[in-house]
Amino acid sequence: MPGLLGVLAASMGDRDAAFAHFDQALDERSMVISWLRDPLISDIRDDPRYAELFERVGLTP
Protein backbone atom coordinates (compact mmCIF):
# COMPACT_ATOMS: atom_id res chain seq x y z
CA MET A 1 0.00 0.00 0.00
CA PRO A 2 2.80 2.52 0.64
CA GLY A 3 3.84 2.26 -3.01
CA LEU A 4 0.38 3.26 -4.16
CA LEU A 5 0.30 6.11 -1.66
CA GLY A 6 3.65 7.24 -3.05
CA VAL A 7 2.26 7.30 -6.57
CA LEU A 8 -0.77 9.28 -5.42
CA ALA A 9 1.37 11.79 -3.52
CA ALA A 10 3.72 12.18 -6.50
CA SER A 11 0.85 12.70 -8.90
CA MET A 12 -0.44 15.47 -6.64
CA GLY A 13 2.98 17.13 -6.54
CA ASP A 14 3.86 16.26 -2.94
CA ARG A 15 7.39 14.98 -3.45
CA ASP A 16 8.27 14.70 0.23
CA ALA A 17 5.26 12.53 0.98
CA ALA A 18 5.86 10.47 -2.16
CA PHE A 19 9.44 9.65 -1.19
CA ALA A 20 8.45 8.94 2.40
CA HIS A 21 5.92 6.38 1.14
CA PHE A 22 8.40 4.87 -1.32
CA ASP A 23 11.01 4.59 1.46
CA GLN A 24 8.45 2.82 3.63
CA ALA A 25 7.58 0.49 0.77
CA LEU A 26 11.24 -0.43 0.35
CA ASP A 27 11.61 -1.01 4.08
CA GLU A 28 8.61 -3.34 3.92
CA ARG A 29 10.07 -5.05 0.83
CA SER A 30 7.02 -4.07 -1.12
CA MET A 31 6.97 -4.09 -4.91
CA VAL A 32 8.03 -0.45 -4.99
CA ILE A 33 10.11 -0.75 -8.15
CA SER A 34 7.01 -1.41 -10.21
CA TRP A 35 5.53 1.80 -8.80
CA LEU A 36 8.69 3.76 -9.57
CA ARG A 37 8.25 3.04 -13.27
CA ASP A 38 4.66 4.32 -13.30
CA PRO A 39 4.12 7.20 -15.78
CA LEU A 40 2.08 9.07 -13.15
CA ILE A 41 5.24 9.89 -11.24
CA SER A 42 7.31 11.19 -14.15
CA ASP A 43 7.43 14.62 -12.49
CA ILE A 44 9.60 13.34 -9.62
CA ARG A 45 12.20 11.54 -11.72
CA ASP A 46 14.47 14.59 -11.70
CA ASP A 47 14.67 14.48 -7.89
CA PRO A 48 17.93 12.94 -6.57
CA ARG A 49 15.89 10.80 -4.17
CA TYR A 50 14.44 8.96 -7.16
CA ALA A 51 17.85 7.61 -8.20
CA GLU A 52 18.68 6.86 -4.56
CA LEU A 53 15.67 4.54 -4.30
CA PHE A 54 16.93 2.53 -7.25
CA GLU A 55 20.44 2.42 -5.80
CA ARG A 56 19.06 0.99 -2.57
CA VAL A 57 17.87 -2.06 -4.46
CA GLY A 58 20.87 -2.26 -6.78
CA LEU A 59 19.25 -0.95 -9.97
CA THR A 60 19.54 2.17 -12.10
CA PRO A 61 16.58 4.40 -13.02
PDB file of N, CA and C in Angstrom:
ATOM      1  N   MET A   1       0.800  -1.207   0.000  1.00  0.00           N
ATOM      2  CA  MET A   1       0.000   0.000   0.000  1.00  0.00           C
ATOM      3  C   MET A   1       0.848   1.279   0.000  1.00  0.00           C
ATOM      4  N   PRO A   2       2.023   1.288   0.667  1.00  0.00           N
ATOM      5  CA  PRO A   2       2.800   2.523   0.644  1.00  0.00           C
ATOM      6  C   PRO A   2       3.239   2.914  -0.769  1.00  0.00           C
ATOM      7  N   GLY A   3       3.465   1.938  -1.631  1.00  0.00           N
ATOM      8  CA  GLY A   3       3.839   2.257  -3.008  1.00  0.00           C
ATOM      9  C   GLY A   3       2.746   3.021  -3.721  1.00  0.00           C
ATOM     10  N   LEU A   4       1.525   2.576  -3.549  1.00  0.00           N
ATOM     11  CA  LEU A   4       0.384   3.258  -4.163  1.00  0.00           C
ATOM     12  C   LEU A   4       0.220   4.655  -3.582  1.00  0.00           C
ATOM     13  N   LEU A   5       0.386   4.787  -2.282  1.00  0.00           N
ATOM     14  CA  LEU A   5       0.303   6.110  -1.663  1.00  0.00           C
ATOM     15  C   LEU A   5       1.402   7.026  -2.192  1.00  0.00           C
ATOM     16  N   GLY A   6       2.573   6.459  -2.462  1.00  0.00           N
ATOM     17  CA  GLY A   6       3.654   7.237  -3.047  1.00  0.00           C
ATOM     18  C   GLY A   6       3.296   7.744  -4.428  1.00  0.00           C
ATOM     19  N   VAL A   7       2.688   6.891  -5.230  1.00  0.00           N
ATOM     20  CA  VAL A   7       2.260   7.303  -6.574  1.00  0.00           C
ATOM     21  C   VAL A   7       1.219   8.411  -6.477  1.00  0.00           C
ATOM     22  N   LEU A   8       0.267   8.256  -5.581  1.00  0.00           N
ATOM     23  CA  LEU A   8      -0.767   9.283  -5.418  1.00  0.00           C
ATOM     24  C   LEU A   8      -0.164  10.608  -4.978  1.00  0.00           C
ATOM     25  N   ALA A   9       0.733  10.555  -4.002  1.00  0.00           N
ATOM     26  CA  ALA A   9       1.370  11.788  -3.523  1.00  0.00           C
ATOM     27  C   ALA A   9       2.186  12.444  -4.640  1.00  0.00           C
ATOM     28  N   ALA A  10       2.914  11.637  -5.403  1.00  0.00           N
ATOM     29  CA  ALA A  10       3.720  12.182  -6.498  1.00  0.00           C
ATOM     30  C   ALA A  10       2.841  12.807  -7.566  1.00  0.00           C
ATOM     31  N   SER A  11       1.731  12.160  -7.862  1.00  0.00           N
ATOM     32  CA  SER A  11       0.847  12.698  -8.901  1.00  0.00           C
ATOM     33  C   SER A  11       0.182  13.997  -8.468  1.00  0.00           C
ATOM     34  N   MET A  12       0.130  14.235  -7.156  1.00  0.00           N
ATOM     35  CA  MET A  12      -0.440  15.475  -6.644  1.00  0.00           C
ATOM     36  C   MET A  12       0.642  16.527  -6.394  1.00  0.00           C
ATOM     37  N   GLY A  13       1.901  16.169  -6.683  1.00  0.00           N
ATOM     38  CA  GLY A  13       2.982  17.133  -6.540  1.00  0.00           C
ATOM     39  C   GLY A  13       3.635  17.187  -5.173  1.00  0.00           C
ATOM     40  N   ASP A  14       3.280  16.265  -4.279  1.00  0.00           N
ATOM     41  CA  ASP A  14       3.860  16.258  -2.936  1.00  0.00           C
ATOM     42  C   ASP A  14       5.055  15.305  -2.914  1.00  0.00           C
ATOM     43  N   ARG A  15       6.195  15.802  -3.330  1.00  0.00           N
ATOM     44  CA  ARG A  15       7.394  14.983  -3.452  1.00  0.00           C
ATOM     45  C   ARG A  15       7.838  14.395  -2.119  1.00  0.00           C
ATOM     46  N   ASP A  16       7.812  15.196  -1.067  1.00  0.00           N
ATOM     47  CA  ASP A  16       8.273  14.703   0.229  1.00  0.00           C
ATOM     48  C   ASP A  16       7.441  13.517   0.701  1.00  0.00           C
ATOM     49  N   ALA A  17       6.128  13.639   0.584  1.00  0.00           N
ATOM     50  CA  ALA A  17       5.258  12.526   0.983  1.00  0.00           C
ATOM     51  C   ALA A  17       5.481  11.323   0.079  1.00  0.00           C
ATOM     52  N   ALA A  18       5.649  11.563  -1.215  1.00  0.00           N
ATOM     53  CA  ALA A  18       5.864  10.466  -2.158  1.00  0.00           C
ATOM     54  C   ALA A  18       7.106   9.673  -1.769  1.00  0.00           C
ATOM     55  N   PHE A  19       8.210  10.361  -1.528  1.00  0.00           N
ATOM     56  CA  PHE A  19       9.438   9.651  -1.193  1.00  0.00           C
ATOM     57  C   PHE A  19       9.362   8.994   0.177  1.00  0.00           C
ATOM     58  N   ALA A  20       8.636   9.586   1.092  1.00  0.00           N
ATOM     59  CA  ALA A  20       8.445   8.944   2.397  1.00  0.00           C
ATOM     60  C   ALA A  20       7.702   7.617   2.224  1.00  0.00           C
ATOM     61  N   HIS A  21       6.669   7.618   1.382  1.00  0.00           N
ATOM     62  CA  HIS A  21       5.923   6.382   1.137  1.00  0.00           C
ATOM     63  C   HIS A  21       6.768   5.355   0.390  1.00  0.00           C
ATOM     64  N   PHE A  22       7.550   5.802  -0.593  1.00  0.00           N
ATOM     65  CA  PHE A  22       8.403   4.872  -1.320  1.00  0.00           C
ATOM     66  C   PHE A  22       9.478   4.280  -0.407  1.00  0.00           C
ATOM     67  N   ASP A  23      10.034   5.100   0.489  1.00  0.00           N
ATOM     68  CA  ASP A  23      11.008   4.587   1.456  1.00  0.00           C
ATOM     69  C   ASP A  23      10.376   3.521   2.341  1.00  0.00           C
ATOM     70  N   GLN A  24       9.167   3.789   2.790  1.00  0.00           N
ATOM     71  CA  GLN A  24       8.453   2.819   3.627  1.00  0.00           C
ATOM     72  C   GLN A  24       8.208   1.529   2.849  1.00  0.00           C
ATOM     73  N   ALA A  25       7.831   1.669   1.596  1.00  0.00           N
ATOM     74  CA  ALA A  25       7.582   0.489   0.768  1.00  0.00           C
ATOM     75  C   ALA A  25       8.850  -0.350   0.625  1.00  0.00           C
ATOM     76  N   LEU A  26       9.987   0.315   0.432  1.00  0.00           N
ATOM     77  CA  LEU A  26      11.245  -0.428   0.347  1.00  0.00           C
ATOM     78  C   LEU A  26      11.564  -1.121   1.657  1.00  0.00           C
ATOM     79  N   ASP A  27      11.354  -0.422   2.767  1.00  0.00           N
ATOM     80  CA  ASP A  27      11.611  -1.012   4.076  1.00  0.00           C
ATOM     81  C   ASP A  27      10.742  -2.240   4.304  1.00  0.00           C
ATOM     82  N   GLU A  28       9.537  -2.216   3.772  1.00  0.00           N
ATOM     83  CA  GLU A  28       8.610  -3.342   3.916  1.00  0.00           C
ATOM     84  C   GLU A  28       8.799  -4.390   2.823  1.00  0.00           C
ATOM     85  N   ARG A  29       9.779  -4.148   1.941  1.00  0.00           N
ATOM     86  CA  ARG A  29      10.066  -5.052   0.829  1.00  0.00           C
ATOM     87  C   ARG A  29       8.855  -5.222  -0.083  1.00  0.00           C
ATOM     88  N   SER A  30       8.167  -4.130  -0.240  1.00  0.00           N
ATOM     89  CA  SER A  30       7.017  -4.067  -1.124  1.00  0.00           C
ATOM     90  C   SER A  30       7.503  -4.017  -2.568  1.00  0.00           C
ATOM     91  N   MET A  31       6.607  -4.134  -3.505  1.00  0.00           N
ATOM     92  CA  MET A  31       6.973  -4.094  -4.913  1.00  0.00           C
ATOM     93  C   MET A  31       7.084  -2.646  -5.383  1.00  0.00           C
ATOM     94  N   VAL A  32       7.918  -1.878  -4.711  1.00  0.00           N
ATOM     95  CA  VAL A  32       8.030  -0.451  -4.991  1.00  0.00           C
ATOM     96  C   VAL A  32       8.630  -0.165  -6.361  1.00  0.00           C
ATOM     97  N   ILE A  33       9.489  -1.021  -6.857  1.00  0.00           N
ATOM     98  CA  ILE A  33      10.113  -0.755  -8.148  1.00  0.00           C
ATOM     99  C   ILE A  33       9.070  -0.668  -9.249  1.00  0.00           C
ATOM    100  N   SER A  34       8.058  -1.492  -9.187  1.00  0.00           N
ATOM    101  CA  SER A  34       7.012  -1.408 -10.205  1.00  0.00           C
ATOM    102  C   SER A  34       6.296  -0.062 -10.137  1.00  0.00           C
ATOM    103  N   TRP A  35       6.161   0.486  -8.944  1.00  0.00           N
ATOM    104  CA  TRP A  35       5.531   1.797  -8.804  1.00  0.00           C
ATOM    105  C   TRP A  35       6.453   2.894  -9.315  1.00  0.00           C
ATOM    106  N   LEU A  36       7.737   2.717  -9.158  1.00  0.00           N
ATOM    107  CA  LEU A  36       8.686   3.756  -9.570  1.00  0.00           C
ATOM    108  C   LEU A  36       8.768   3.908 -11.081  1.00  0.00           C
ATOM    109  N   ARG A  37       8.263   2.968 -11.808  1.00  0.00           N
ATOM    110  CA  ARG A  37       8.252   3.040 -13.266  1.00  0.00           C
ATOM    111  C   ARG A  37       6.919   3.578 -13.803  1.00  0.00           C
ATOM    112  N   ASP A  38       5.990   3.860 -12.906  1.00  0.00           N
ATOM    113  CA  ASP A  38       4.658   4.318 -13.301  1.00  0.00           C
ATOM    114  C   ASP A  38       4.743   5.698 -13.954  1.00  0.00           C
ATOM    115  N   PRO A  39       4.089   5.898 -15.105  1.00  0.00           N
ATOM    116  CA  PRO A  39       4.118   7.204 -15.778  1.00  0.00           C
ATOM    117  C   PRO A  39       3.523   8.340 -14.944  1.00  0.00           C
ATOM    118  N   LEU A  40       2.682   8.021 -13.982  1.00  0.00           N
ATOM    119  CA  LEU A  40       2.078   9.066 -13.154  1.00  0.00           C
ATOM    120  C   LEU A  40       3.097   9.816 -12.305  1.00  0.00           C
ATOM    121  N   ILE A  41       4.264   9.229 -12.100  1.00  0.00           N
ATOM    122  CA  ILE A  41       5.243   9.891 -11.242  1.00  0.00           C
ATOM    123  C   ILE A  41       6.406  10.469 -12.032  1.00  0.00           C
ATOM    124  N   SER A  42       6.218  10.669 -13.304  1.00  0.00           N
ATOM    125  CA  SER A  42       7.310  11.186 -14.145  1.00  0.00           C
ATOM    126  C   SER A  42       7.830  12.538 -13.656  1.00  0.00           C
ATOM    127  N   ASP A  43       7.005  13.300 -12.968  1.00  0.00           N
ATOM    128  CA  ASP A  43       7.431  14.624 -12.490  1.00  0.00           C
ATOM    129  C   ASP A  43       8.473  14.560 -11.379  1.00  0.00           C
ATOM    130  N   ILE A  44       8.631  13.416 -10.712  1.00  0.00           N
ATOM    131  CA  ILE A  44       9.604  13.344  -9.618  1.00  0.00           C
ATOM    132  C   ILE A  44      10.909  12.673 -10.042  1.00  0.00           C
ATOM    133  N   ARG A  45      11.003  12.271 -11.274  1.00  0.00           N
ATOM    134  CA  ARG A  45      12.200  11.539 -11.724  1.00  0.00           C
ATOM    135  C   ARG A  45      13.456  12.407 -11.735  1.00  0.00           C
ATOM    136  N   ASP A  46      13.303  13.713 -11.729  1.00  0.00           N
ATOM    137  CA  ASP A  46      14.474  14.587 -11.700  1.00  0.00           C
ATOM    138  C   ASP A  46      14.987  14.832 -10.282  1.00  0.00           C
ATOM    139  N   ASP A  47      14.272  14.327  -9.287  1.00  0.00           N
ATOM    140  CA  ASP A  47      14.671  14.485  -7.893  1.00  0.00           C
ATOM    141  C   ASP A  47      15.763  13.460  -7.572  1.00  0.00           C
ATOM    142  N   PRO A  48      16.837  13.878  -6.903  1.00  0.00           N
ATOM    143  CA  PRO A  48      17.925  12.941  -6.572  1.00  0.00           C
ATOM    144  C   PRO A  48      17.458  11.739  -5.745  1.00  0.00           C
ATOM    145  N   ARG A  49      16.392  11.914  -4.988  1.00  0.00           N
ATOM    146  CA  ARG A  49      15.889  10.801  -4.167  1.00  0.00           C
ATOM    147  C   ARG A  49      15.359   9.667  -5.025  1.00  0.00           C
ATOM    148  N   TYR A  50      14.942   9.976  -6.238  1.00  0.00           N
ATOM    149  CA  TYR A  50      14.440   8.956  -7.165  1.00  0.00           C
ATOM    150  C   TYR A  50      15.558   7.966  -7.494  1.00  0.00           C
ATOM    151  N   ALA A  51      16.710   8.476  -7.886  1.00  0.00           N
ATOM    152  CA  ALA A  51      17.850   7.610  -8.201  1.00  0.00           C
ATOM    153  C   ALA A  51      18.328   6.855  -6.960  1.00  0.00           C
ATOM    154  N   GLU A  52      18.252   7.500  -5.805  1.00  0.00           N
ATOM    155  CA  GLU A  52      18.679   6.858  -4.561  1.00  0.00           C
ATOM    156  C   GLU A  52      17.828   5.631  -4.247  1.00  0.00           C
ATOM    157  N   LEU A  53      16.531   5.705  -4.527  1.00  0.00           N
ATOM    158  CA  LEU A  53      15.669   4.541  -4.297  1.00  0.00           C
ATOM    159  C   LEU A  53      16.125   3.356  -5.132  1.00  0.00           C
ATOM    160  N   PHE A  54      16.453   3.609  -6.383  1.00  0.00           N
ATOM    161  CA  PHE A  54      16.926   2.529  -7.253  1.00  0.00           C
ATOM    162  C   PHE A  54      18.264   1.977  -6.749  1.00  0.00           C
ATOM    163  N   GLU A  55      19.142   2.863  -6.309  1.00  0.00           N
ATOM    164  CA  GLU A  55      20.437   2.421  -5.796  1.00  0.00           C
ATOM    165  C   GLU A  55      20.281   1.512  -4.581  1.00  0.00           C
ATOM    166  N   ARG A  56      19.295   1.800  -3.756  1.00  0.00           N
ATOM    167  CA  ARG A  56      19.065   0.987  -2.567  1.00  0.00           C
ATOM    168  C   ARG A  56      18.751  -0.465  -2.907  1.00  0.00           C
ATOM    169  N   VAL A  57      18.187  -0.696  -4.079  1.00  0.00           N
ATOM    170  CA  VAL A  57      17.870  -2.065  -4.465  1.00  0.00           C
ATOM    171  C   VAL A  57      18.829  -2.595  -5.535  1.00  0.00           C
ATOM    172  N   GLY A  58      19.846  -1.809  -5.864  1.00  0.00           N
ATOM    173  CA  GLY A  58      20.866  -2.255  -6.785  1.00  0.00           C
ATOM    174  C   GLY A  58      20.530  -2.104  -8.251  1.00  0.00           C
ATOM    175  N   LEU A  59      19.634  -1.195  -8.583  1.00  0.00           N
ATOM    176  CA  LEU A  59      19.247  -0.953  -9.971  1.00  0.00           C
ATOM    177  C   LEU A  59      19.557   0.480 -10.356  1.00  0.00           C
ATOM    178  N   THR A  60      19.400   0.795 -11.634  1.00  0.00           N
ATOM    179  CA  THR A  60      19.538   2.174 -12.100  1.00  0.00           C
ATOM    180  C   THR A  60      18.201   2.618 -12.669  1.00  0.00           C
ATOM    181  N   PRO A  61      17.886   3.910 -12.523  1.00  0.00           N
ATOM    182  CA  PRO A  61      16.582   4.403 -13.020  1.00  0.00           C
ATOM    183  C   PRO A  61      16.451   4.349 -14.526  1.00  0.00           C
TER     184      PRO A  61
END
